[in-house]
Amino acid sequence: MLKISMSGYYSYLRGKETKNKAEEKYREKIREIFDEGRGTYGVDRVCGLLRKRGSTASYDRVKGMMQEMGLFSIHRSVCNWGQTYTIDRKVPVWVISTAGLS
């Protein structure tokens, strides 16, 4: 059996409850910022916005919480290969056009 005073044990429990409440508020802030960006904000931007709004934000802490909540940024990529690449799309056009200059 551990030698811990009753008051110390109950103090620990009270501190744990307040820590859980504070962590839940922090998660709500992360979710709110992520939703503002419609799912396109990554960890860097969420950290930056948390700091701008007055919260302390650690990259690793925010990253871990976002992973636990299942929040991953999604970027819609648009590729327009028509003007910058050759037909085989392996070598950029500028490489072919400048190859004969040397």
Protein backbone atom coordinates (compact mmCIF):
# COMPACT_ATOMS: atom_id res chain seq x y z
CA MET A 1 0.00 0.00 0.00
CA LEU A 2 1.21 3.50 -0.83
CA LYS A 3 1.89 5.98 1.94
CA ILE A 4 -0.18 8.93 0.72
CA SER A 5 -2.23 11.24 2.91
CA MET A 6 -5.96 11.45 2.27
CA SER A 7 -5.76 15.19 1.64
CA GLY A 8 -2.98 14.66 -0.89
CA TYR A 9 -5.01 12.04 -2.72
CA TYR A 10 -8.13 14.19 -2.95
CA SER A 11 -6.05 17.18 -3.99
CA TYR A 12 -4.65 15.06 -6.81
CA LEU A 13 -8.17 14.08 -7.90
CA ARG A 14 -9.34 17.72 -7.94
CA GLY A 15 -6.33 18.72 -10.01
CA LYS A 16 -6.99 15.89 -12.44
CA GLU A 17 -10.58 17.03 -12.95
CA THR A 18 -9.57 20.62 -13.67
CA LYS A 19 -6.83 19.43 -16.03
CA ASN A 20 -9.36 17.31 -17.95
CA LYS A 21 -11.74 20.27 -18.22
CA ALA A 22 -8.97 22.56 -19.48
CA GLU A 23 -7.87 19.94 -22.01
CA GLU A 24 -11.44 19.57 -23.25
CA LYS A 25 -11.69 23.37 -23.76
CA TYR A 26 -8.40 23.26 -25.67
CA ARG A 27 -9.76 20.49 -27.89
CA GLU A 28 -12.87 22.59 -28.56
CA LYS A 29 -10.68 25.52 -29.64
CA ILE A 30 -8.74 23.25 -31.99
CA ARG A 31 -11.97 21.87 -33.47
CA GLU A 32 -13.38 25.40 -33.88
CA ILE A 33 -10.29 26.63 -35.75
CA PHE A 34 -10.18 23.49 -37.88
CA ASP A 35 -13.84 23.93 -38.82
CA GLU A 36 -13.24 27.59 -39.70
CA GLY A 37 -10.77 26.43 -42.30
CA ARG A 38 -13.25 23.85 -43.62
CA GLY A 39 -10.78 21.04 -43.10
CA THR A 40 -7.84 22.65 -44.88
CA TYR A 41 -5.92 23.96 -41.85
CA GLY A 42 -2.98 21.84 -40.79
CA VAL A 43 -1.16 21.70 -37.47
CA ASP A 44 1.04 24.72 -38.26
CA ARG A 45 -1.85 27.02 -39.02
CA VAL A 46 -3.93 25.79 -36.08
CA CYS A 47 -0.96 26.46 -33.75
CA GLY A 48 -0.49 29.91 -35.19
CA LEU A 49 -4.12 30.85 -34.77
CA LEU A 50 -4.21 29.49 -31.22
CA ARG A 51 -1.21 31.66 -30.37
CA LYS A 52 -2.80 34.72 -32.01
CA ARG A 53 -5.91 34.16 -29.92
CA GLY A 54 -3.91 34.10 -26.69
CA SER A 55 -3.47 30.39 -25.99
CA THR A 56 -0.17 28.65 -25.56
CA ALA A 57 0.24 26.18 -28.40
CA SER A 58 2.86 23.49 -28.69
CA TYR A 59 3.20 21.94 -32.14
CA ASP A 60 3.52 18.40 -30.73
CA ARG A 61 0.57 18.83 -28.36
CA VAL A 62 -1.72 20.18 -31.09
CA LYS A 63 -0.55 17.49 -33.52
CA GLY A 64 -1.28 14.73 -31.01
CA MET A 65 -4.72 16.10 -30.17
CA MET A 66 -5.62 16.52 -33.84
CA GLN A 67 -4.61 12.92 -34.51
CA GLU A 68 -6.65 11.68 -31.54
CA MET A 69 -9.67 13.62 -32.79
CA GLY A 70 -9.16 12.36 -36.34
CA LEU A 71 -8.56 15.81 -37.83
CA PHE A 72 -6.43 15.75 -40.95
CA SER A 73 -6.09 18.62 -43.39
CA ILE A 74 -7.32 17.99 -46.90
CA HIS A 75 -5.99 19.98 -49.82
CA ARG A 76 -7.63 20.03 -53.19
CA SER A 77 -4.84 19.89 -55.72
CA VAL A 78 -5.35 21.14 -59.22
CA CYS A 79 -2.81 20.10 -61.81
CA ASN A 80 -2.50 21.84 -65.13
CA TRP A 81 0.19 19.95 -66.98
CA GLY A 82 -0.69 21.33 -70.40
CA GLN A 83 1.71 24.25 -70.68
CA THR A 84 4.62 23.28 -68.48
CA TYR A 85 5.37 19.67 -69.39
CA THR A 86 6.03 17.73 -72.56
CA ILE A 87 3.77 14.98 -73.79
CA ASP A 88 5.60 12.28 -71.84
CA ARG A 89 5.34 14.55 -68.74
CA LYS A 90 8.72 13.56 -67.42
CA VAL A 91 10.83 16.53 -68.43
CA PRO A 92 9.69 20.15 -68.08
CA VAL A 93 9.52 22.18 -71.29
CA TRP A 94 12.08 24.74 -70.08
CA VAL A 95 14.68 21.97 -69.68
CA ILE A 96 14.22 20.87 -73.30
CA SER A 97 14.28 24.44 -74.62
CA THR A 98 17.46 25.40 -72.72
CA ALA A 99 19.31 22.13 -73.40
CA GLY A 100 20.49 23.26 -76.85
CA LEU A 101 21.83 26.61 -75.57
CA SER A 102 24.97 25.31 -73.88
